[in-house]
Amino acid sequence: MSLGPLFAAPAPIPWHAFAAFTALVTGATQLALPKGTTRHRVVGYIWVALMLVIAVSSFWIQQIRLFGRFSPIHLLSILVLVTVPLAVWHARNHRVVNHRKVMIALYVFALIGAGIFTLLPGRIMHTVVFGQ
């Protein structure tokens, strides 16, 4: 494993990757912590900010171009930009069940699911994790 290919990648790929990794760890921590506490809210807002950074930065990553400058992964970014504020709205309106469902779905599909695709051969994260 070498971070060299990631540091050599053009911006915003390194920021995107580090935000995603941080969100992965922060999200796992959040899922394990007690819910409804001040700490839960603070860590939650940090996670929300990271998810928004990941989604917005993805629009400047255009290595896979299937639809003009964009790829199907950009649809996921749009979905994240819509569902993250929705999940916060659910929490602020005490709709805990909906909040939980949306946040877990975002964590599993937008972070873990999308992250698995970054490990495909030819992708920068594949080179970082598995080498040339």
C-alpha atoms as a PDB file:
ATOM      1  CA  MET A   1       0.000   0.000   0.000  1.00  0.00           C
ATOM      2  CA  SER A   2       1.345   3.389  -1.019  1.00  0.00           C
ATOM      3  CA  LEU A   3      -0.277   6.810  -0.860  1.00  0.00           C
ATOM      4  CA  GLY A   4       2.079   8.054  -3.602  1.00  0.00           C
ATOM      5  CA  PRO A   5      -0.431   7.612  -6.452  1.00  0.00           C
ATOM      6  CA  LEU A   6      -3.056   9.469  -4.446  1.00  0.00           C
ATOM      7  CA  PHE A   7      -0.736  12.399  -3.697  1.00  0.00           C
ATOM      8  CA  ALA A   8       0.307  12.473  -7.364  1.00  0.00           C
ATOM      9  CA  ALA A   9      -3.318  12.603  -8.564  1.00  0.00           C
ATOM     10  CA  PRO A  10      -4.745  15.925  -9.692  1.00  0.00           C
ATOM     11  CA  ALA A  11      -6.890  17.962  -7.317  1.00  0.00           C
ATOM     12  CA  PRO A  12      -9.544  17.359  -6.026  1.00  0.00           C
ATOM     13  CA  ILE A  13      -8.944  13.585  -6.050  1.00  0.00           C
ATOM     14  CA  PRO A  14      -6.752  13.557  -2.891  1.00  0.00           C
ATOM     15  CA  TRP A  15      -9.207  15.793  -0.986  1.00  0.00           C
ATOM     16  CA  HIS A  16     -12.103  13.650  -2.146  1.00  0.00           C
ATOM     17  CA  ALA A  17     -10.377  10.427  -1.072  1.00  0.00           C
ATOM     18  CA  PHE A  18      -9.294  11.730   2.332  1.00  0.00           C
ATOM     19  CA  ALA A  19     -12.773  13.154   3.004  1.00  0.00           C
ATOM     20  CA  ALA A  20     -14.276   9.777   2.029  1.00  0.00           C
ATOM     21  CA  PHE A  21     -11.911   7.832   4.279  1.00  0.00           C
ATOM     22  CA  THR A  22     -12.555  10.245   7.161  1.00  0.00           C
ATOM     23  CA  ALA A  23     -16.319   9.951   6.593  1.00  0.00           C
ATOM     24  CA  LEU A  24     -16.016   6.157   6.573  1.00  0.00           C
ATOM     25  CA  VAL A  25     -14.293   6.173   9.988  1.00  0.00           C
ATOM     26  CA  THR A  26     -16.487   8.961  11.398  1.00  0.00           C
ATOM     27  CA  GLY A  27     -19.643   7.195  10.205  1.00  0.00           C
ATOM     28  CA  ALA A  28     -18.617   3.887  11.774  1.00  0.00           C
ATOM     29  CA  THR A  29     -17.900   5.714  15.028  1.00  0.00           C
ATOM     30  CA  GLN A  30     -21.246   7.492  14.814  1.00  0.00           C
ATOM     31  CA  LEU A  31     -23.116   4.224  14.314  1.00  0.00           C
ATOM     32  CA  ALA A  32     -21.442   2.785  17.427  1.00  0.00           C
ATOM     33  CA  LEU A  33     -21.945   5.812  19.716  1.00  0.00           C
ATOM     34  CA  PRO A  34     -25.059   6.426  21.833  1.00  0.00           C
ATOM     35  CA  LYS A  35     -27.736   8.311  19.914  1.00  0.00           C
ATOM     36  CA  GLY A  36     -29.427  11.597  20.792  1.00  0.00           C
ATOM     37  CA  THR A  37     -26.487  13.071  22.700  1.00  0.00           C
ATOM     38  CA  THR A  38     -24.631  16.308  22.039  1.00  0.00           C
ATOM     39  CA  ARG A  39     -21.663  14.240  20.904  1.00  0.00           C
ATOM     40  CA  HIS A  40     -23.926  12.430  18.420  1.00  0.00           C
ATOM     41  CA  ARG A  41     -25.064  15.765  16.984  1.00  0.00           C
ATOM     42  CA  VAL A  42     -21.541  17.188  16.722  1.00  0.00           C
ATOM     43  CA  VAL A  43     -20.102  14.057  15.112  1.00  0.00           C
ATOM     44  CA  GLY A  44     -23.179  13.907  12.880  1.00  0.00           C
ATOM     45  CA  TYR A  45     -22.662  17.426  11.579  1.00  0.00           C
ATOM     46  CA  ILE A  46     -19.001  16.636  10.908  1.00  0.00           C
ATOM     47  CA  TRP A  47     -20.087  13.549   8.959  1.00  0.00           C
ATOM     48  CA  VAL A  48     -22.684  15.575   7.036  1.00  0.00           C
ATOM     49  CA  ALA A  49     -20.041  18.171   6.100  1.00  0.00           C
ATOM     50  CA  LEU A  50     -17.683  15.409   4.919  1.00  0.00           C
ATOM     51  CA  MET A  51     -20.418  13.822   2.809  1.00  0.00           C
ATOM     52  CA  LEU A  52     -21.177  17.163   1.177  1.00  0.00           C
ATOM     53  CA  VAL A  53     -17.464  17.723   0.448  1.00  0.00           C
ATOM     54  CA  ILE A  54     -17.292  14.260  -1.119  1.00  0.00           C
ATOM     55  CA  ALA A  55     -20.389  14.828  -3.255  1.00  0.00           C
ATOM     56  CA  VAL A  56     -19.435  18.315  -4.447  1.00  0.00           C
ATOM     57  CA  SER A  57     -15.792  17.433  -5.142  1.00  0.00           C
ATOM     58  CA  SER A  58     -16.869  14.467  -7.269  1.00  0.00           C
ATOM     59  CA  PHE A  59     -18.119  16.819  -9.988  1.00  0.00           C
ATOM     60  CA  TRP A  60     -14.506  17.817 -10.690  1.00  0.00           C
ATOM     61  CA  ILE A  61     -13.389  14.191 -10.964  1.00  0.00           C
ATOM     62  CA  GLN A  62     -14.017  13.170 -14.522  1.00  0.00           C
ATOM     63  CA  GLN A  63     -11.723  10.238 -15.298  1.00  0.00           C
ATOM     64  CA  ILE A  64     -14.677   8.073 -16.364  1.00  0.00           C
ATOM     65  CA  ARG A  65     -16.700   9.912 -19.012  1.00  0.00           C
ATOM     66  CA  LEU A  66     -19.817   8.075 -20.125  1.00  0.00           C
ATOM     67  CA  PHE A  67     -22.191  11.029 -20.463  1.00  0.00           C
ATOM     68  CA  GLY A  68     -20.158  14.000 -21.677  1.00  0.00           C
ATOM     69  CA  ARG A  69     -17.857  14.840 -18.762  1.00  0.00           C
ATOM     70  CA  PHE A  70     -19.843  12.782 -16.276  1.00  0.00           C
ATOM     71  CA  SER A  71     -20.419   9.183 -15.254  1.00  0.00           C
ATOM     72  CA  PRO A  72     -23.197   7.312 -13.419  1.00  0.00           C
ATOM     73  CA  ILE A  73     -21.377   7.914 -10.111  1.00  0.00           C
ATOM     74  CA  HIS A  74     -22.306  11.595 -10.448  1.00  0.00           C
ATOM     75  CA  LEU A  75     -25.964  10.574 -10.105  1.00  0.00           C
ATOM     76  CA  LEU A  76     -25.017   9.219  -6.687  1.00  0.00           C
ATOM     77  CA  SER A  77     -23.461  12.590  -5.867  1.00  0.00           C
ATOM     78  CA  ILE A  78     -26.730  14.332  -6.745  1.00  0.00           C
ATOM     79  CA  LEU A  79     -28.603  11.825  -4.593  1.00  0.00           C
ATOM     80  CA  VAL A  80     -26.242  12.544  -1.676  1.00  0.00           C
ATOM     81  CA  LEU A  81     -26.736  16.301  -2.092  1.00  0.00           C
ATOM     82  CA  VAL A  82     -30.490  15.748  -1.773  1.00  0.00           C
ATOM     83  CA  THR A  83     -30.631  13.041   0.901  1.00  0.00           C
ATOM     84  CA  VAL A  84     -28.074  14.448   3.366  1.00  0.00           C
ATOM     85  CA  PRO A  85     -30.143  17.608   4.009  1.00  0.00           C
ATOM     86  CA  LEU A  86     -33.276  15.431   4.092  1.00  0.00           C
ATOM     87  CA  ALA A  87     -31.727  13.236   6.801  1.00  0.00           C
ATOM     88  CA  VAL A  88     -30.799  16.319   8.844  1.00  0.00           C
ATOM     89  CA  TRP A  89     -34.359  17.622   8.410  1.00  0.00           C
ATOM     90  CA  HIS A  90     -35.706  14.286   9.689  1.00  0.00           C
ATOM     91  CA  ALA A  91     -33.497  14.531  12.777  1.00  0.00           C
ATOM     92  CA  ARG A  92     -34.417  18.141  13.503  1.00  0.00           C
ATOM     93  CA  ASN A  93     -38.114  17.212  13.241  1.00  0.00           C
ATOM     94  CA  HIS A  94     -37.691  14.195  15.533  1.00  0.00           C
ATOM     95  CA  ARG A  95     -38.422  11.680  12.788  1.00  0.00           C
ATOM     96  CA  VAL A  96     -35.815   9.333  14.211  1.00  0.00           C
ATOM     97  CA  VAL A  97     -36.784   6.220  12.246  1.00  0.00           C
ATOM     98  CA  ASN A  98     -36.575   8.051   8.903  1.00  0.00           C
ATOM     99  CA  HIS A  99     -33.338   9.769   9.971  1.00  0.00           C
ATOM    100  CA  ARG A 100     -31.778   6.434  10.903  1.00  0.00           C
ATOM    101  CA  LYS A 101     -32.851   4.752   7.642  1.00  0.00           C
ATOM    102  CA  VAL A 102     -31.501   7.530   5.443  1.00  0.00           C
ATOM    103  CA  MET A 103     -28.196   7.853   7.306  1.00  0.00           C
ATOM    104  CA  ILE A 104     -27.523   4.105   7.317  1.00  0.00           C
ATOM    105  CA  ALA A 105     -28.424   3.892   3.610  1.00  0.00           C
ATOM    106  CA  LEU A 106     -26.040   6.763   2.831  1.00  0.00           C
ATOM    107  CA  TYR A 107     -23.265   5.129   4.815  1.00  0.00           C
ATOM    108  CA  VAL A 108     -23.712   1.699   3.230  1.00  0.00           C
ATOM    109  CA  PHE A 109     -24.418   2.682  -0.374  1.00  0.00           C
ATOM    110  CA  ALA A 110     -22.759   6.086  -0.858  1.00  0.00           C
ATOM    111  CA  LEU A 111     -19.597   5.329   1.115  1.00  0.00           C
ATOM    112  CA  ILE A 112     -19.037   1.589   1.272  1.00  0.00           C
ATOM    113  CA  GLY A 113     -20.752   0.729  -2.022  1.00  0.00           C
ATOM    114  CA  ALA A 114     -19.177   3.533  -4.025  1.00  0.00           C
ATOM    115  CA  GLY A 115     -15.862   2.925  -2.255  1.00  0.00           C
ATOM    116  CA  ILE A 116     -15.764  -0.667  -3.466  1.00  0.00           C
ATOM    117  CA  PHE A 117     -15.920   0.578  -7.065  1.00  0.00           C
ATOM    118  CA  THR A 118     -12.833   2.732  -6.464  1.00  0.00           C
ATOM    119  CA  LEU A 119     -10.875  -0.503  -5.951  1.00  0.00           C
ATOM    120  CA  LEU A 120     -11.452  -1.712  -9.520  1.00  0.00           C
ATOM    121  CA  PRO A 121      -8.318  -2.156 -11.670  1.00  0.00           C
ATOM    122  CA  GLY A 122      -7.303   1.042 -13.426  1.00  0.00           C
ATOM    123  CA  ARG A 123      -8.573   3.307 -10.631  1.00  0.00           C
ATOM    124  CA  ILE A 124      -6.207   5.321  -8.428  1.00  0.00           C
ATOM    125  CA  MET A 125      -7.394   3.670  -5.205  1.00  0.00           C
ATOM    126  CA  HIS A 126      -6.709   0.251  -6.721  1.00  0.00           C
ATOM    127  CA  THR A 127      -3.096   1.325  -7.232  1.00  0.00           C
ATOM    128  CA  VAL A 128      -2.939   2.795  -3.704  1.00  0.00           C
ATOM    129  CA  VAL A 129      -4.223  -0.386  -2.064  1.00  0.00           C
ATOM    130  CA  PHE A 130      -2.873  -3.130  -4.328  1.00  0.00           C
ATOM    131  CA  GLY A 131       0.085  -1.471  -6.078  1.00  0.00           C
ATOM    132  CA  GLN A 132       0.838  -1.576  -9.790  1.00  0.00           C
END
